[in-house]
Every structure is written in structure tokens, then in C-alpha cells.
Amino acid sequence: MEDYIRRTHCRYCESGKLVSILDLGKHPPSDSFIYSDETQTEKKYPLELFLCENCFLLQLMDVISPTLLFGEEFLYQSSTSTALRNHYTHLTEMLTRRFEISSGDTVVDIGCNDGIILNTFKTEGLNTVGVEPSELANIARKHGHYIFRDFFNLDCAKSIISSFGHAKVITATNVFPHVDQIRGFVEGILELIGTKGIFVIEASYMPDFIDKILFDTIYHEHLCYLGLTPLKQFLESMGLEVFDIERTSLGASGPAFRILIQKYDGQQPVSSSVERFLFFEKQWGISNIRNYFDFADNVKTTKTNILNLLNGFKSSNVEIGGYGAPAKGNTLLNYLEVDQSLVSYITDNNPLKQGKITPGSHIPVISDEEFLQKKPTHALLMAWNYLDFFLKNSEYIQQGGKFIVPLPSIQILP
């Protein structure tokens, strides 16, 4: 694959009935932190959101090669987030209890990153298997897991089966919407779960994304913005069925939903939650294109409001830092056209990002210790999905700092 292609048809239903909803301009890949001497070679790609008028999947049509996005230089390290570790601990405890995971069983985490989910399984004698294309696979291996350094597909699934048998449970958190070649991915799932296995997706929930104006979660890794309506239709076309679904207040990119899936007519009873979600989405207006254009208008208004606040601080000579350097923070900075003149530096506890600059906006990333020494009175909180955790646990807040929270609503806290 070239480093970039533009799709012309929906990746779920293959319809060509696509309408542009929001064009954010050209952005560099959101996790492509660079050194200050690399700015001249930085590449930018279109970031534009489309709606399929046939199945109502909200998606990007501009696709950057997954090798470029998730290859050697992928810097997002999940385990640096205590809040996320806690969230996944609750997930694996639920899965272990509900599906009676026991010694000798195989659990697989696709896009396992540094092993964050596999680390939380506590059952003795479990085969903990991960699939991870980036260098973070090496960190996961050090935790004692068997890692396939690859992108997941049917061939990868067959390799796992030959070594460990079929999976009792497969997890793919914050991964499924990232996959462009989704049919090959699902073919691998069908193979790997055998007749009784369970597949678990966690992803940002599209109605939340629209209602809360979470435009910063639009970036090249996030190809799809999922509702149950298009997802269920697609999965059924591939021989899978959703048997349970729930909301979660915290996910890797913000509010999420968790979908439990099995082969069609599998052993698990189909919960009433499935029809409840479908009814909610119909009432919400998943097929009403006006909802999506209103979202685009709200994004533009939000941009103006955040910039007015930041410029107000600047005119009062208040130095603003940035708190957290997640991928979505780079969409925020680049769409707002914020640079070091408005946000002086950003702290992030991922050592792989420290000493580099943010893609596009070119703001230095520093350690928590250096950030505390600089003592900015206000910090733009780009990892806003962990707001509650940071308010309770951040040393910066304990020392009297204040967060400028840009989304879902602009606030200054505490």
C-alpha cells in the first residue's frame, strides 16, 4: 500500500452514497511526534469526515498506511494511564467471571500495545496472547505474554490457533474502528473464536461524539465513528451477532460503548440491551443528516470559543501549559491553529514523547517534573477524558494549578 489512499465507497456496506460532513483541513498523523529538526519533512494528510447515507456509518475516506501509523514509531503507550489500567482491570474481571475463563484457556488482545489488558488477567495457567505491530510488542513480551508482531487478519488468526488453539475471549479495545481492511479482520475473528468464543469491542460511541462535540477524536487512526446500527448490520453480513452492549464512562478516547459478539446463533442469549440501543439510535436520529451538519456548525463555534479564551489569557500575560499529549490533543491544537505562542509546553508522562515536539503545532513535550518546576498557573487539559482522575490525583492541581478544559464543554477547574 502507498502511504496514503482515498476510498470512494463505505468500508462497511460498500455503498458509494457518501456525503462530506466536516473538513478539518490537512493534519500530520496525530501520534507522529517529531524532533525539532524534522519539521521540514513533516507530511500532512486530509482529515475529513463522511457519512454513508446507506448504512449511516460515519467515517474517514482518507486512509494513511497502517504501517506508517502503527509501525516502528508508534508512541501511544497505554499503561502510562493509571485510569485506563483500572478500567481494563474491571473489564477482565468481568470477562473472567461471566465467561468462566480458566487455566488452559486462551485469551487474545488485538492491538495489545504494551500488554495493558493482558497484564490484568489474573487466572493462573492462562495463555495470554497479543497481536501488536509496533515496537511496543517488545514491552508486552517482557510481561510474559506471547506476542504476534503483526496486523491481525485471517493468516494471523490461523497462526495463533496452530500454537494455542481457539480463543475463549478476544478483546479489541479502541482498535476495531481503526481498521480499514475490516472484512479481512473479521474473517480472522470468525476463525479464531471457533464455535464458542466471544469477541469484545470497546469504541467511542458515535451519538456521544456528536452530542458532546468531541471533534478532537477525529484523527487518521480513527477511521470509523461507531453506532450500533451500522455495526450490527455489518457484523451480521459477516456471520456474527451482537448479544450484549453497554455504555462505559471511560475509554481510551473518551466515553465508549462495549459490544459483546459471538457467531450467529451462538450459545449466549441475546440481551434486550441490543434492541434498546437500536431504538435509542433511531429516536436520536442516526438517519437524519441534519444532526451531522449541526455537529459541524457546533465544532466551528467551539473552535472560536476556545481560541477566545486562550487569547484572553495571552493578552493578560498568563503563561499556559498543556496537560497530556494524547493523539486527540493534536487534532485540537492543529484545527485551532495553536502553537507555542499560545501554549508554551506540554507535559506527558510517556517518556517516548518527552524531548520531542507535537506534530503540526510544534510545541515541546516535557516531563511532569519539569512542568511542575515551571509552575504555569493554567494548563490546557487535552486528556480531558481523565479529568476526574486528574482532579483527584494530579500533583499540579494539588499545587494550585488550574485546568482549562476544552471539551465536552469549556470550563476552568477546579
Protein backbone atom coordinates (compact mmCIF):
# COMPACT_ATOMS: atom_id res chain seq x y z
CA MET A 1 0.00 0.00 0.00
CA GLU A 2 1.14 3.53 -0.74
CA ASP A 3 1.43 5.78 2.30
CA TYR A 4 -1.98 7.30 1.52
CA ILE A 5 -5.14 6.42 -0.45
CA ARG A 6 -8.67 7.87 -0.69
CA ARG A 7 -11.59 5.46 -0.52
CA THR A 8 -14.66 6.00 -2.68
CA HIS A 9 -17.05 3.52 -1.04
CA CYS A 10 -18.25 2.81 2.50
CA ARG A 11 -15.99 0.26 4.17
CA TYR A 12 -18.96 -1.49 5.86
CA CYS A 13 -21.72 -1.68 3.21
CA GLU A 14 -19.67 -0.68 0.12
CA SER A 15 -22.18 2.00 -0.90
CA GLY A 16 -20.94 4.99 -2.85
CA LYS A 17 -23.56 7.28 -1.27
CA LEU A 18 -21.21 9.36 0.87
CA VAL A 19 -21.63 12.95 1.98
CA SER A 20 -18.94 15.20 3.48
CA ILE A 21 -19.88 16.35 6.99
CA LEU A 22 -16.80 18.15 8.34
CA ASP A 23 -13.46 19.07 6.77
CA LEU A 24 -10.75 19.80 9.36
CA GLY A 25 -8.06 20.55 6.77
CA LYS A 26 -4.72 18.76 6.44
CA HIS A 27 -3.07 17.28 9.54
CA PRO A 28 0.04 15.21 10.25
CA PRO A 29 -0.62 11.78 11.79
CA SER A 30 -1.65 12.53 15.35
CA ASP A 31 0.91 10.31 17.08
CA SER A 32 3.83 11.37 14.86
CA PHE A 33 5.77 13.35 17.47
CA ILE A 34 8.99 14.59 15.93
CA TYR A 35 12.30 16.21 16.89
CA SER A 36 12.62 19.94 16.29
CA ASP A 37 14.97 19.42 13.32
CA GLU A 38 12.39 17.27 11.46
CA THR A 39 9.73 19.91 10.78
CA GLN A 40 10.70 20.38 7.13
CA THR A 41 9.97 16.75 6.26
CA GLU A 42 6.66 16.53 8.14
CA LYS A 43 3.77 15.25 5.98
CA LYS A 44 0.14 16.28 6.29
CA TYR A 45 -2.95 14.49 5.01
CA PRO A 46 -6.64 15.41 4.58
CA LEU A 47 -8.83 14.94 7.66
CA GLU A 48 -12.44 14.93 6.51
CA LEU A 49 -15.49 13.19 7.96
CA PHE A 50 -18.07 11.49 5.73
CA LEU A 51 -21.46 9.88 6.37
CA CYS A 52 -22.66 6.83 4.43
CA GLU A 53 -26.27 7.58 3.55
CA ASN A 54 -26.98 3.87 3.13
CA CYS A 55 -25.86 2.32 6.46
CA PHE A 56 -25.13 5.55 8.42
CA LEU A 57 -21.52 4.76 9.21
CA LEU A 58 -19.57 7.92 9.99
CA GLN A 59 -16.04 7.51 8.65
CA LEU A 60 -12.86 8.92 7.13
CA MET A 61 -12.21 8.12 3.48
CA ASP A 62 -8.57 9.28 3.51
CA VAL A 63 -6.52 6.31 4.70
CA ILE A 64 -2.89 6.51 5.76
CA SER A 65 -0.96 3.23 5.54
CA PRO A 66 -1.31 1.35 8.86
CA THR A 67 2.40 0.60 8.71
CA LEU A 68 3.03 4.34 8.83
CA LEU A 69 0.53 4.93 11.66
CA PHE A 70 1.18 1.90 13.86
CA GLY A 71 4.67 0.85 12.86
CA GLU A 72 8.07 1.40 14.42
CA GLU A 73 7.44 4.94 15.68
CA PHE A 74 4.01 4.43 17.28
CA LEU A 75 4.33 6.24 20.62
CA TYR A 76 0.99 5.74 22.37
CA GLN A 77 1.76 3.63 25.44
CA SER A 78 -1.45 2.58 27.21
CA SER A 79 -0.02 1.62 30.59
CA THR A 80 1.16 5.15 31.33
CA SER A 81 -2.50 5.86 32.23
CA THR A 82 -3.45 4.63 35.71
CA ALA A 83 -7.11 5.38 34.99
CA LEU A 84 -7.03 3.18 31.88
CA ARG A 85 -5.28 0.36 33.75
CA ASN A 86 -8.04 0.45 36.35
CA HIS A 87 -10.71 0.45 33.63
CA TYR A 88 -9.25 -2.61 31.93
CA THR A 89 -8.85 -4.43 35.25
CA HIS A 90 -12.62 -4.15 35.72
CA LEU A 91 -13.13 -5.37 32.13
CA THR A 92 -11.03 -8.54 32.51
CA GLU A 93 -12.54 -9.32 35.92
CA MET A 94 -16.00 -9.17 34.33
CA LEU A 95 -14.96 -11.34 31.37
CA THR A 96 -13.27 -13.92 33.62
CA ARG A 97 -16.34 -14.19 35.84
CA ARG A 98 -19.03 -14.08 33.14
CA PHE A 99 -17.41 -16.47 30.65
CA GLU A 100 -15.68 -18.71 33.20
CA ILE A 101 -12.16 -18.18 31.90
CA SER A 102 -9.94 -20.83 33.48
CA SER A 103 -6.48 -22.37 33.36
CA GLY A 104 -5.53 -23.61 29.91
CA ASP A 105 -7.85 -21.20 28.11
CA THR A 106 -6.52 -18.76 25.51
CA VAL A 107 -7.33 -15.05 25.62
CA VAL A 108 -6.22 -12.78 22.79
CA ASP A 109 -5.91 -8.99 22.80
CA ILE A 110 -5.68 -7.44 19.35
CA GLY A 111 -3.70 -4.21 19.29
CA CYS A 112 -2.35 -5.18 22.71
CA ASN A 113 0.01 -2.20 22.87
CA ASP A 114 2.33 -2.66 25.86
CA GLY A 115 0.25 -5.50 27.31
CA ILE A 116 -2.09 -3.36 29.40
CA ILE A 117 -5.15 -5.66 29.11
CA LEU A 118 -3.26 -8.96 29.17
CA ASN A 119 -1.50 -7.82 32.36
CA THR A 120 -4.83 -7.58 34.18
CA PHE A 121 -5.92 -11.21 33.65
CA LYS A 122 -5.27 -12.97 36.98
CA THR A 123 -6.16 -16.59 36.12
CA GLU A 124 -3.21 -18.98 36.60
CA GLY A 125 -2.19 -21.09 33.61
CA LEU A 126 -3.87 -18.83 31.06
CA ASN A 127 -2.46 -18.44 27.55
CA THR A 128 -2.26 -14.65 27.20
CA VAL A 129 -1.70 -13.82 23.54
CA GLY A 130 -1.35 -10.38 21.98
CA VAL A 131 -1.23 -9.02 18.44
CA GLU A 132 0.75 -5.80 18.09
CA PRO A 133 2.55 -4.43 15.00
CA SER A 134 4.60 -1.73 16.75
CA GLU A 135 7.76 -1.87 18.86
CA LEU A 136 5.52 -1.82 21.93
CA ALA A 137 5.22 -5.58 21.32
CA ASN A 138 8.63 -5.90 22.99
CA ILE A 139 7.31 -4.34 26.19
CA ALA A 140 4.33 -6.71 26.22
CA ARG A 141 6.65 -9.68 25.75
CA LYS A 142 8.65 -8.67 28.82
CA HIS A 143 5.47 -9.14 30.86
CA GLY A 144 5.42 -12.80 29.85
CA HIS A 145 2.80 -12.74 27.10
CA TYR A 146 3.14 -14.39 23.69
CA ILE A 147 3.00 -11.61 21.12
CA PHE A 148 2.47 -11.87 17.38
CA ARG A 149 4.24 -8.86 15.85
CA ASP A 150 1.74 -8.30 13.06
CA PHE A 151 -1.51 -6.72 11.91
CA PHE A 152 -4.44 -9.01 12.65
CA ASN A 153 -6.05 -10.88 9.74
CA LEU A 154 -7.04 -14.43 8.78
CA ASP A 155 -3.43 -15.63 8.43
CA CYS A 156 -2.55 -14.23 11.85
CA ALA A 157 -5.61 -15.96 13.35
CA LYS A 158 -4.52 -19.31 11.88
CA SER A 159 -1.03 -18.85 13.33
CA ILE A 160 -2.49 -18.25 16.80
CA ILE A 161 -4.73 -21.32 16.52
CA SER A 162 -1.83 -23.54 15.49
CA SER A 163 0.05 -22.55 18.65
CA PHE A 164 -2.69 -22.04 21.25
CA GLY A 165 -5.99 -23.31 19.86
CA HIS A 166 -9.15 -21.25 19.56
CA ALA A 167 -9.64 -18.23 21.80
CA LYS A 168 -12.13 -18.23 24.67
CA VAL A 169 -12.24 -14.44 24.53
CA ILE A 170 -10.81 -11.91 22.07
CA THR A 171 -10.61 -8.24 23.03
CA ALA A 172 -10.13 -5.31 20.67
CA THR A 173 -10.43 -2.09 22.65
CA ASN A 174 -10.01 1.16 20.74
CA VAL A 175 -8.90 -0.94 17.74
CA PHE A 176 -11.88 -2.06 15.62
CA PRO A 177 -12.67 1.46 14.28
CA HIS A 178 -9.00 1.82 13.24
CA VAL A 179 -9.11 -0.99 10.69
CA ASP A 180 -9.53 -0.13 7.02
CA GLN A 181 -9.43 -3.69 5.64
CA ILE A 182 -12.19 -4.66 8.03
CA ARG A 183 -13.52 -7.70 6.18
CA GLY A 184 -10.18 -9.48 6.40
CA PHE A 185 -10.03 -8.58 10.08
CA VAL A 186 -13.49 -10.05 10.79
CA GLU A 187 -12.65 -13.20 8.81
CA GLY A 188 -9.79 -13.65 11.26
CA ILE A 189 -12.15 -13.20 14.21
CA LEU A 190 -14.56 -15.81 12.81
CA GLU A 191 -11.70 -18.29 12.55
CA LEU A 192 -10.17 -17.55 15.94
CA ILE A 193 -13.30 -17.77 18.12
CA GLY A 194 -14.19 -21.24 16.88
CA THR A 195 -17.74 -22.21 17.82
CA LYS A 196 -17.94 -20.87 21.39
CA GLY A 197 -15.57 -17.92 21.64
CA ILE A 198 -16.52 -14.33 22.45
CA PHE A 199 -15.33 -11.16 20.73
CA VAL A 200 -15.34 -7.88 22.69
CA ILE A 201 -15.11 -4.42 21.14
CA GLU A 202 -14.77 -1.14 23.01
CA ALA A 203 -15.02 2.03 20.96
CA SER A 204 -16.14 5.63 21.23
CA TYR A 205 -19.92 5.87 20.85
CA MET A 206 -20.98 7.97 17.88
CA PRO A 207 -24.02 9.72 19.44
CA ASP A 208 -21.78 10.85 22.33
CA PHE A 209 -19.21 12.04 19.81
CA ILE A 210 -21.87 14.15 18.04
CA ASP A 211 -23.79 15.40 21.09
CA LYS A 212 -20.67 16.34 23.07
CA ILE A 213 -18.91 17.85 20.01
CA LEU A 214 -15.83 15.65 20.50
CA PHE A 215 -14.18 16.68 17.26
CA ASP A 216 -10.70 16.20 18.72
CA THR A 217 -11.21 12.44 18.50
CA ILE A 218 -11.19 12.76 14.71
CA TYR A 219 -7.75 11.69 13.56
CA HIS A 220 -6.29 9.40 10.93
CA GLU A 221 -6.12 6.34 13.20
CA HIS A 222 -9.86 6.64 13.94
CA LEU A 223 -11.35 5.64 10.60
CA CYS A 224 -14.88 4.92 11.89
CA TYR A 225 -17.16 6.54 14.48
CA LEU A 226 -19.46 3.76 15.55
CA GLY A 227 -23.11 3.42 16.31
CA LEU A 228 -24.72 0.03 16.82
CA THR A 229 -26.98 0.43 13.77
CA PRO A 230 -24.28 0.20 11.05
CA LEU A 231 -22.07 -2.08 13.15
CA LYS A 232 -24.78 -4.72 13.75
CA GLN A 233 -25.74 -4.74 10.06
CA PHE A 234 -22.11 -5.20 9.03
CA LEU A 235 -21.34 -7.93 11.57
CA GLU A 236 -24.46 -9.89 10.59
CA SER A 237 -23.39 -9.76 6.95
CA MET A 238 -20.19 -11.50 8.10
CA GLY A 239 -21.89 -14.17 10.24
CA LEU A 240 -21.55 -12.55 13.68
CA GLU A 241 -24.17 -11.26 16.09
CA VAL A 242 -24.14 -8.73 18.92
CA PHE A 243 -25.56 -10.35 22.07
CA ASP A 244 -24.94 -7.63 24.65
CA ILE A 245 -23.97 -3.97 24.75
CA GLU A 246 -23.39 -1.34 27.40
CA ARG A 247 -22.05 2.19 27.84
CA THR A 248 -18.80 2.87 29.68
CA SER A 249 -17.97 6.27 31.13
CA LEU A 250 -14.27 5.91 30.37
CA GLY A 251 -12.41 4.62 27.35
CA ALA A 252 -9.08 5.25 25.68
CA SER A 253 -10.52 8.24 23.80
CA GLY A 254 -13.49 9.26 25.95
CA PRO A 255 -16.99 7.88 26.63
CA ALA A 256 -17.31 4.50 24.97
CA PHE A 257 -19.55 1.53 24.43
CA ARG A 258 -18.71 -2.13 24.91
CA ILE A 259 -20.11 -4.68 22.46
CA LEU A 260 -20.12 -8.44 23.11
CA ILE A 261 -20.21 -10.55 19.95
CA GLN A 262 -20.48 -14.24 19.04
CA LYS A 263 -21.05 -16.31 15.93
CA TYR A 264 -24.61 -16.07 14.65
CA ASP A 265 -26.97 -18.28 16.69
CA GLY A 266 -24.25 -18.79 19.32
CA GLN A 267 -24.65 -20.06 22.88
CA GLN A 268 -25.13 -16.69 24.59
CA PRO A 269 -28.71 -15.34 24.81
CA VAL A 270 -29.24 -12.00 23.08
CA SER A 271 -29.82 -9.31 25.70
CA SER A 272 -32.63 -6.78 25.48
CA SER A 273 -29.87 -4.15 25.51
CA VAL A 274 -29.38 -4.69 21.77
CA GLU A 275 -32.91 -3.64 20.82
CA ARG A 276 -32.76 -0.85 23.39
CA PHE A 277 -29.66 0.66 21.77
CA LEU A 278 -31.13 0.33 18.28
CA PHE A 279 -34.33 2.06 19.43
CA PHE A 280 -32.31 4.83 21.08
CA GLU A 281 -30.30 5.43 17.89
CA LYS A 282 -33.47 5.56 15.78
CA GLN A 283 -35.02 8.11 18.17
CA TRP A 284 -31.73 10.03 18.34
CA GLY A 285 -31.84 10.38 14.57
CA ILE A 286 -28.97 8.28 13.22
CA SER A 287 -30.50 8.57 9.73
CA ASN A 288 -31.12 12.33 9.99
CA ILE A 289 -28.35 14.12 8.14
CA ARG A 290 -29.28 17.40 9.85
CA ASN A 291 -27.79 16.03 13.10
CA TYR A 292 -24.41 15.73 11.44
CA PHE A 293 -24.42 19.17 9.81
CA ASP A 294 -25.46 20.72 13.14
CA PHE A 295 -22.45 18.96 14.67
CA ALA A 296 -20.17 20.58 12.06
CA ASP A 297 -21.60 24.02 12.91
CA ASN A 298 -21.08 23.35 16.62
CA VAL A 299 -17.45 22.38 16.00
CA LYS A 300 -16.77 25.73 14.34
CA THR A 301 -18.43 27.62 17.20
CA THR A 302 -16.43 25.62 19.77
CA LYS A 303 -13.20 26.46 17.97
CA THR A 304 -13.98 30.18 18.21
CA ASN A 305 -14.88 29.95 21.90
CA ILE A 306 -11.72 28.06 22.91
CA LEU A 307 -9.50 30.42 20.95
CA ASN A 308 -11.17 33.46 22.50
CA LEU A 309 -10.45 32.08 25.97
CA LEU A 310 -6.80 31.25 25.21
CA ASN A 311 -6.18 34.61 23.56
CA GLY A 312 -7.72 36.32 26.57
CA PHE A 313 -5.16 34.67 28.84
CA LYS A 314 -2.37 35.59 26.42
CA SER A 315 -3.39 39.27 26.37
CA SER A 316 -3.20 39.20 30.19
CA ASN A 317 0.33 37.71 30.01
CA VAL A 318 -0.75 34.42 31.57
CA GLU A 319 1.52 31.55 30.52
CA ILE A 320 -0.45 28.46 29.51
CA GLY A 321 0.96 24.95 29.61
CA GLY A 322 -0.59 21.82 28.15
CA TYR A 323 -1.50 18.79 30.24
CA GLY A 324 -1.30 15.45 28.45
CA ALA A 325 -0.24 14.90 24.85
CA PRO A 326 -2.72 12.32 23.54
CA ALA A 327 -3.38 11.89 19.83
CA LYS A 328 -6.66 13.77 20.10
CA GLY A 329 -4.82 16.73 21.60
CA ASN A 330 -3.01 17.17 18.31
CA THR A 331 -6.26 17.37 16.36
CA LEU A 332 -7.37 20.05 18.81
CA LEU A 333 -4.14 22.05 18.52
CA ASN A 334 -3.91 21.80 14.74
CA TYR A 335 -7.55 22.57 14.00
CA LEU A 336 -7.40 25.58 16.35
CA GLU A 337 -4.02 26.51 14.79
CA VAL A 338 -2.49 26.80 18.26
CA ASP A 339 1.29 26.92 18.51
CA GLN A 340 3.91 27.79 21.13
CA SER A 341 2.78 31.41 21.21
CA LEU A 342 -0.41 30.28 22.99
CA VAL A 343 0.65 27.03 24.71
CA SER A 344 4.28 27.18 25.81
CA TYR A 345 4.95 23.48 26.50
CA ILE A 346 3.06 20.27 27.23
CA THR A 347 3.65 17.67 29.91
CA ASP A 348 3.19 13.97 29.24
CA ASN A 349 4.38 11.06 31.35
CA ASN A 350 5.18 8.91 28.31
CA PRO A 351 8.99 9.04 28.06
CA LEU A 352 8.79 8.22 24.33
CA LYS A 353 7.19 11.65 23.71
CA GLN A 354 9.36 13.72 26.04
CA GLY A 355 12.06 15.75 24.29
CA LYS A 356 10.06 15.81 21.07
CA ILE A 357 7.57 18.35 19.72
CA THR A 358 3.91 17.91 18.87
CA PRO A 359 3.10 17.16 15.22
CA GLY A 360 1.96 20.22 13.29
CA SER A 361 1.84 22.66 16.22
CA HIS A 362 5.49 22.03 17.22
CA ILE A 363 5.08 22.55 20.98
CA PRO A 364 7.79 20.95 23.20
CA VAL A 365 6.78 17.92 25.27
CA ILE A 366 8.37 17.84 28.73
CA SER A 367 8.27 15.61 31.81
CA ASP A 368 5.88 16.06 34.72
CA GLU A 369 8.81 17.10 36.92
CA GLU A 370 9.90 19.88 34.56
CA PHE A 371 6.29 21.02 34.17
CA LEU A 372 5.89 21.35 37.95
CA GLN A 373 9.11 23.38 38.12
CA LYS A 374 7.79 25.81 35.50
CA LYS A 375 4.57 26.27 37.51
CA PRO A 376 2.16 27.56 34.87
CA THR A 377 -0.99 28.86 36.56
CA HIS A 378 -3.21 27.34 33.85
CA ALA A 379 -2.92 24.21 31.70
CA LEU A 380 -4.96 23.24 28.66
CA LEU A 381 -6.16 19.73 29.52
CA MET A 382 -6.01 17.75 26.31
CA ALA A 383 -6.53 14.41 28.05
CA TRP A 384 -9.94 15.69 29.19
CA ASN A 385 -11.38 12.16 29.34
CA TYR A 386 -9.34 11.64 32.53
CA LEU A 387 -10.50 14.92 34.12
CA ASP A 388 -11.99 13.36 37.26
CA PHE A 389 -8.89 11.24 37.83
CA PHE A 390 -6.54 14.21 37.40
CA LEU A 391 -8.58 16.48 39.67
CA LYS A 392 -8.19 13.90 42.45
CA ASN A 393 -4.63 12.76 41.81
CA SER A 394 -2.64 15.40 39.89
CA GLU A 395 0.22 16.99 41.78
CA TYR A 396 -0.18 20.02 39.52
CA ILE A 397 -3.73 20.55 40.83
CA GLN A 398 -2.61 19.89 44.40
CA GLN A 399 -0.05 22.68 44.00
CA GLY A 400 -2.76 25.16 42.97
CA GLY A 401 -2.79 24.81 39.18
CA LYS A 402 -5.97 25.12 37.13
CA PHE A 403 -7.14 23.15 34.12
CA ILE A 404 -8.60 24.80 31.04
CA VAL A 405 -10.96 22.01 29.96
CA PRO A 406 -11.80 22.45 26.26
CA LEU A 407 -14.32 19.62 25.82
CA PRO A 408 -17.07 18.47 26.12
CA SER A 409 -17.76 21.96 27.50
CA ILE A 410 -15.30 24.76 28.16
CA GLN A 411 -14.52 25.03 31.88
CA ILE A 412 -11.76 26.22 34.19
CA LEU A 413 -11.30 23.78 37.09
CA PRO A 414 -11.03 23.48 40.00
